[in-house]
């Protein structure tokens, strides 16, 4: 069974002018009597969104085919579980992190200059 999620991501003015990047994670989960659980194989999208001044609003319609058994989360036919999608945007650093730091030299001899 195909699952399609539709949503719009709107950038702030600061996001667009700074060309900020976000990790975009879209997952399906079931909600049964207020208890949420991720659906097995329910990650629909896991990627990166980059805003620019030309792209301040992004329309998304990702789709994924899942077996009906994965979506059938009903514990009881009298209390059907709701299937929902959660979209999470996590800011990414402007530059890729590195394990290297700046170079610091210790114990350098002082060179005196003649006055």
N, C-alpha and C. Protein backbone atom coordinates (compact mmCIF):
# COMPACT_ATOMS: atom_id res chain seq x y z
N UNK A 1 0.85 -1.17 0.00
CA UNK A 1 0.00 0.00 0.00
C UNK A 1 0.90 1.24 0.00
N UNK A 2 0.57 2.18 -0.84
CA UNK A 2 1.37 3.40 -0.94
C UNK A 2 0.94 4.40 0.12
N UNK A 3 1.93 5.00 0.75
CA UNK A 3 1.69 6.05 1.74
C UNK A 3 2.27 7.33 1.20
N UNK A 4 1.46 8.36 1.10
CA UNK A 4 1.92 9.65 0.58
C UNK A 4 1.70 10.70 1.65
N UNK A 5 2.70 11.54 1.82
CA UNK A 5 2.64 12.63 2.79
C UNK A 5 2.81 13.93 2.02
N UNK A 6 2.01 14.93 2.32
CA UNK A 6 2.12 16.23 1.66
C UNK A 6 2.29 17.31 2.73
N UNK A 7 3.24 18.19 2.50
CA UNK A 7 3.45 19.30 3.43
C UNK A 7 4.27 20.38 2.74
N UNK A 8 4.30 21.56 3.35
CA UNK A 8 5.05 22.71 2.83
C UNK A 8 6.04 23.14 3.91
N UNK A 9 7.28 23.35 3.50
CA UNK A 9 8.29 23.88 4.41
C UNK A 9 8.54 25.33 4.01
N UNK A 10 8.33 26.24 4.94
CA UNK A 10 8.52 27.66 4.65
C UNK A 10 9.73 28.17 5.44
N UNK A 11 10.64 28.81 4.74
CA UNK A 11 11.85 29.35 5.37
C UNK A 11 11.57 30.71 5.97
N UNK A 12 12.30 31.03 7.02
CA UNK A 12 12.27 32.40 7.52
C UNK A 12 13.17 33.23 6.62
N UNK A 13 13.08 34.53 6.72
CA UNK A 13 13.95 35.41 5.93
C UNK A 13 15.42 35.13 6.24
N UNK A 14 15.72 34.89 7.52
CA UNK A 14 17.09 34.60 7.93
C UNK A 14 17.59 33.28 7.33
N UNK A 15 16.71 32.24 7.31
CA UNK A 15 17.09 30.96 6.70
C UNK A 15 17.45 31.14 5.23
N UNK A 16 16.65 31.91 4.52
CA UNK A 16 16.86 32.09 3.07
C UNK A 16 18.13 32.90 2.78
N UNK A 17 18.31 34.02 3.46
CA UNK A 17 19.48 34.86 3.18
C UNK A 17 20.78 34.20 3.65
N UNK A 18 20.71 33.36 4.67
CA UNK A 18 21.90 32.66 5.16
C UNK A 18 22.10 31.32 4.45
N UNK A 19 21.17 30.94 3.58
CA UNK A 19 21.19 29.66 2.87
C UNK A 19 21.43 28.51 3.83
N UNK A 20 20.56 28.43 4.84
CA UNK A 20 20.67 27.40 5.87
C UNK A 20 20.25 26.04 5.35
N UNK A 21 20.88 25.02 5.91
CA UNK A 21 20.58 23.63 5.57
C UNK A 21 19.97 22.94 6.79
N UNK A 22 19.02 22.05 6.51
CA UNK A 22 18.37 21.28 7.56
C UNK A 22 18.31 19.81 7.15
N UNK A 23 18.45 18.93 8.11
CA UNK A 23 18.16 17.52 7.87
C UNK A 23 16.65 17.37 7.98
N UNK A 24 16.06 16.75 6.97
CA UNK A 24 14.61 16.55 6.93
C UNK A 24 14.33 15.06 7.11
N UNK A 25 13.61 14.70 8.17
CA UNK A 25 13.28 13.31 8.46
C UNK A 25 11.76 13.19 8.53
N UNK A 26 11.19 12.31 7.70
CA UNK A 26 9.75 12.09 7.68
C UNK A 26 9.50 10.63 8.03
N UNK A 27 8.75 10.40 9.12
CA UNK A 27 8.48 9.05 9.58
C UNK A 27 6.98 8.88 9.85
N UNK A 28 6.50 7.68 9.57
CA UNK A 28 5.13 7.32 9.91
C UNK A 28 5.12 6.68 11.29
N UNK A 29 4.09 7.01 12.06
CA UNK A 29 3.91 6.36 13.35
C UNK A 29 2.43 6.16 13.60
N UNK A 30 2.13 5.20 14.44
CA UNK A 30 0.73 4.96 14.79
C UNK A 30 0.44 5.60 16.13
N UNK A 31 -0.77 6.01 16.28
CA UNK A 31 -1.22 6.65 17.52
C UNK A 31 -2.45 5.88 17.98
N UNK A 32 -2.25 5.04 18.97
CA UNK A 32 -3.36 4.24 19.49
C UNK A 32 -3.58 4.61 20.95
N UNK A 33 -4.69 5.23 21.22
CA UNK A 33 -5.06 5.63 22.58
C UNK A 33 -3.98 6.50 23.22
N UNK A 34 -3.38 7.37 22.42
CA UNK A 34 -2.38 8.29 22.95
C UNK A 34 -0.98 7.71 23.04
N UNK A 35 -0.79 6.46 22.64
CA UNK A 35 0.54 5.84 22.67
C UNK A 35 1.08 5.82 21.25
N UNK A 36 2.21 6.48 21.04
CA UNK A 36 2.81 6.57 19.71
C UNK A 36 3.88 5.50 19.53
N UNK A 37 3.92 4.88 18.35
CA UNK A 37 4.98 3.94 18.03
C UNK A 37 5.32 4.06 16.56
N UNK A 38 6.63 4.03 16.27
CA UNK A 38 7.07 4.12 14.88
C UNK A 38 6.64 2.88 14.12
N UNK A 39 6.26 3.07 12.88
CA UNK A 39 5.87 1.96 12.02
C UNK A 39 7.13 1.36 11.40
N UNK A 40 7.24 0.06 11.45
CA UNK A 40 8.39 -0.63 10.90
C UNK A 40 8.54 -0.30 9.41
N UNK A 41 9.72 0.19 9.03
CA UNK A 41 9.97 0.58 7.64
C UNK A 41 9.27 1.86 7.25
N UNK A 42 8.80 2.62 8.22
CA UNK A 42 8.00 3.81 7.95
C UNK A 42 8.76 5.10 7.75
N UNK A 43 10.07 5.05 7.55
CA UNK A 43 10.81 6.27 7.23
C UNK A 43 10.57 6.58 5.75
N UNK A 44 9.87 7.66 5.49
CA UNK A 44 9.49 8.02 4.12
C UNK A 44 10.59 8.83 3.45
N UNK A 45 11.23 9.70 4.21
CA UNK A 45 12.25 10.56 3.62
C UNK A 45 13.29 10.88 4.69
N UNK A 46 14.55 10.89 4.29
CA UNK A 46 15.65 11.27 5.17
C UNK A 46 16.69 11.94 4.30
N UNK A 47 16.68 13.25 4.27
CA UNK A 47 17.57 13.98 3.38
C UNK A 47 17.91 15.35 3.92
N UNK A 48 18.38 16.21 3.03
CA UNK A 48 18.79 17.56 3.40
C UNK A 48 18.00 18.57 2.60
N UNK A 49 17.53 19.62 3.26
CA UNK A 49 16.83 20.74 2.63
C UNK A 49 17.73 21.95 2.76
N UNK A 50 17.94 22.67 1.64
CA UNK A 50 18.74 23.89 1.66
C UNK A 50 17.86 25.03 1.17
N UNK A 51 17.73 26.05 1.99
CA UNK A 51 16.95 27.22 1.62
C UNK A 51 17.83 28.23 0.92
N UNK A 52 17.27 28.91 -0.05
CA UNK A 52 17.95 30.02 -0.73
C UNK A 52 16.93 31.14 -0.90
N UNK A 53 17.37 32.28 -1.38
CA UNK A 53 16.42 33.37 -1.61
C UNK A 53 15.46 33.01 -2.74
N UNK A 54 15.86 32.08 -3.62
CA UNK A 54 14.99 31.64 -4.71
C UNK A 54 14.04 30.53 -4.25
N UNK A 55 14.38 29.83 -3.17
CA UNK A 55 13.55 28.71 -2.68
C UNK A 55 13.22 28.93 -1.22
N UNK A 56 12.24 29.80 -0.96
CA UNK A 56 11.86 30.08 0.43
C UNK A 56 10.69 29.22 0.89
N UNK A 57 10.05 28.56 -0.05
CA UNK A 57 8.93 27.68 0.29
C UNK A 57 9.07 26.42 -0.57
N UNK A 58 9.10 25.28 0.09
CA UNK A 58 9.32 24.01 -0.61
C UNK A 58 8.12 23.10 -0.36
N UNK A 59 7.51 22.63 -1.44
CA UNK A 59 6.38 21.71 -1.34
C UNK A 59 6.92 20.29 -1.46
N UNK A 60 6.54 19.44 -0.51
CA UNK A 60 7.01 18.05 -0.51
C UNK A 60 5.80 17.12 -0.61
N UNK A 61 5.98 16.05 -1.38
CA UNK A 61 4.98 14.99 -1.48
C UNK A 61 5.68 13.64 -1.60
N UNK A 62 6.48 13.27 -0.59
CA UNK A 62 7.17 11.98 -0.68
C UNK A 62 6.18 10.82 -0.57
N UNK A 63 6.54 9.70 -1.18
CA UNK A 63 5.67 8.53 -1.18
C UNK A 63 6.52 7.29 -0.97
N UNK A 64 5.97 6.33 -0.25
CA UNK A 64 6.65 5.06 -0.03
C UNK A 64 5.62 3.95 0.01
N UNK A 65 5.95 2.83 -0.60
CA UNK A 65 5.06 1.68 -0.57
C UNK A 65 5.45 0.77 0.58
N UNK A 66 4.46 0.47 1.42
CA UNK A 66 4.67 -0.40 2.58
C UNK A 66 3.67 -1.55 2.51
N UNK A 67 4.01 -2.69 3.09
CA UNK A 67 3.03 -3.76 3.15
C UNK A 67 1.86 -3.35 4.05
N UNK A 68 0.68 -3.81 3.71
CA UNK A 68 -0.51 -3.47 4.49
C UNK A 68 -0.36 -3.90 5.94
N UNK A 69 0.34 -4.99 6.17
CA UNK A 69 0.54 -5.47 7.54
C UNK A 69 1.29 -4.44 8.39
N UNK A 70 2.20 -3.68 7.78
CA UNK A 70 2.95 -2.66 8.53
C UNK A 70 2.04 -1.52 8.95
N UNK A 71 1.03 -1.24 8.13
CA UNK A 71 0.12 -0.13 8.45
C UNK A 71 -1.05 -0.56 9.32
N UNK A 72 -1.29 -1.85 9.42
CA UNK A 72 -2.40 -2.36 10.22
C UNK A 72 -1.97 -2.43 11.67
N UNK A 73 -2.14 -1.35 12.37
CA UNK A 73 -1.70 -1.23 13.77
C UNK A 73 -2.86 -1.36 14.75
N UNK A 74 -3.99 -1.81 14.29
CA UNK A 74 -5.17 -1.87 15.16
C UNK A 74 -5.00 -2.94 16.23
N UNK A 75 -5.19 -2.53 17.46
CA UNK A 75 -5.20 -3.46 18.57
C UNK A 75 -6.58 -4.07 18.68
N UNK A 76 -7.57 -3.27 18.39
CA UNK A 76 -8.96 -3.70 18.46
C UNK A 76 -9.74 -3.02 17.34
N UNK A 77 -10.67 -3.73 16.70
CA UNK A 77 -11.46 -3.07 15.67
C UNK A 77 -12.35 -1.96 16.22
N UNK A 78 -12.58 -1.99 17.53
CA UNK A 78 -13.40 -0.94 18.14
C UNK A 78 -12.59 0.31 18.45
N UNK A 79 -11.27 0.18 18.49
CA UNK A 79 -10.38 1.32 18.76
C UNK A 79 -9.31 1.38 17.67
N UNK A 80 -9.64 1.92 16.51
CA UNK A 80 -8.65 1.96 15.43
C UNK A 80 -7.48 2.89 15.76
N UNK A 81 -6.32 2.50 15.31
CA UNK A 81 -5.12 3.34 15.48
C UNK A 81 -5.04 4.32 14.32
N UNK A 82 -4.61 5.51 14.62
CA UNK A 82 -4.41 6.52 13.59
C UNK A 82 -2.98 6.42 13.07
N UNK A 83 -2.79 6.58 11.78
CA UNK A 83 -1.46 6.62 11.19
C UNK A 83 -1.16 8.08 10.90
N UNK A 84 -0.06 8.56 11.44
CA UNK A 84 0.34 9.96 11.27
C UNK A 84 1.75 10.02 10.71
N UNK A 85 2.07 11.17 10.17
CA UNK A 85 3.44 11.42 9.70
C UNK A 85 4.04 12.52 10.57
N UNK A 86 5.30 12.35 10.89
CA UNK A 86 6.03 13.37 11.65
C UNK A 86 7.17 13.87 10.78
N UNK A 87 7.25 15.19 10.61
CA UNK A 87 8.33 15.82 9.85
C UNK A 87 9.20 16.56 10.85
N UNK A 88 10.49 16.23 10.87
CA UNK A 88 11.43 16.86 11.79
C UNK A 88 12.54 17.53 10.97
N UNK A 89 12.75 18.82 11.21
CA UNK A 89 13.85 19.56 10.58
C UNK A 89 14.89 19.85 11.66
N UNK A 90 16.13 19.39 11.42
CA UNK A 90 17.22 19.61 12.36
C UNK A 90 18.27 20.48 11.68
N UNK A 91 18.61 21.65 12.26
CA UNK A 91 19.60 22.52 11.63
C UNK A 91 20.96 21.83 11.50
N UNK A 92 21.60 22.03 10.37
CA UNK A 92 22.94 21.49 10.13
C UNK A 92 23.95 22.61 10.27
N UNK A 93 25.18 22.30 10.70
CA UNK A 93 26.19 23.35 10.82
C UNK A 93 26.53 23.92 9.44
N UNK A 94 26.95 25.20 9.38
CA UNK A 94 27.26 25.81 8.09
C UNK A 94 28.42 25.14 7.37
N UNK A 95 29.32 24.53 8.09
CA UNK A 95 30.43 23.80 7.48
C UNK A 95 30.48 22.41 8.10
N UNK A 96 30.98 21.47 7.36
CA UNK A 96 31.06 20.11 7.87
C UNK A 96 31.98 20.06 9.09
N UNK A 97 31.55 19.40 10.16
CA UNK A 97 32.41 19.31 11.34
C UNK A 97 33.68 18.51 11.03
N UNK A 98 34.72 18.83 11.74
CA UNK A 98 36.00 18.17 11.52
C UNK A 98 36.58 17.76 12.87
N UNK A 99 37.34 16.68 12.86
CA UNK A 99 37.99 16.25 14.10
C UNK A 99 39.27 17.03 14.34
N UNK A 100 39.72 17.77 13.35
CA UNK A 100 40.96 18.53 13.47
C UNK A 100 40.67 19.89 14.10
N UNK A 101 41.60 20.35 14.91
CA UNK A 101 41.45 21.68 15.50
C UNK A 101 42.54 22.58 14.94
N UNK A 102 42.53 23.82 15.38
CA UNK A 102 43.60 24.72 14.96
C UNK A 102 44.91 24.25 15.59
N UNK A 103 46.02 24.58 14.95
CA UNK A 103 47.33 24.14 15.42
C UNK A 103 47.84 25.13 16.45
N UNK A 104 48.24 24.61 17.60
CA UNK A 104 48.81 25.44 18.66
C UNK A 104 50.20 24.90 18.95
N UNK A 105 51.20 25.78 18.90
CA UNK A 105 52.58 25.37 19.18
C UNK A 105 52.93 25.80 20.59
N UNK A 106 53.40 24.85 21.38
CA UNK A 106 53.76 25.13 22.77
C UNK A 106 55.27 25.14 22.94
N UNK A 107 55.72 25.79 23.96
CA UNK A 107 57.14 25.81 24.35
C UNK A 107 58.05 26.30 23.23
N UNK A 108 57.66 27.33 22.56
CA UNK A 108 58.52 27.95 21.54
C UNK A 108 59.51 28.87 22.24
N UNK A 109 60.81 28.83 21.83
CA UNK A 109 61.78 29.73 22.44
C UNK A 109 61.48 31.18 22.06
N UNK A 110 61.65 32.05 23.01
CA UNK A 110 61.45 33.47 22.75
C UNK A 110 62.71 34.03 22.08
N UNK A 111 62.53 34.78 21.05
CA UNK A 111 63.66 35.39 20.34
C UNK A 111 63.68 36.86 20.72
N UNK A 112 64.77 37.25 21.33
CA UNK A 112 64.90 38.64 21.78
C UNK A 112 65.44 39.47 20.61
N UNK A 113 64.88 40.63 20.46
CA UNK A 113 65.37 41.53 19.43
C UNK A 113 66.28 42.57 20.05
N UNK A 114 67.30 42.96 19.31
CA UNK A 114 68.25 43.96 19.82
C UNK A 114 67.58 45.33 19.81
N UNK A 115 67.81 46.06 20.88
CA UNK A 115 67.20 47.37 20.98
C UNK A 115 68.11 48.46 20.56
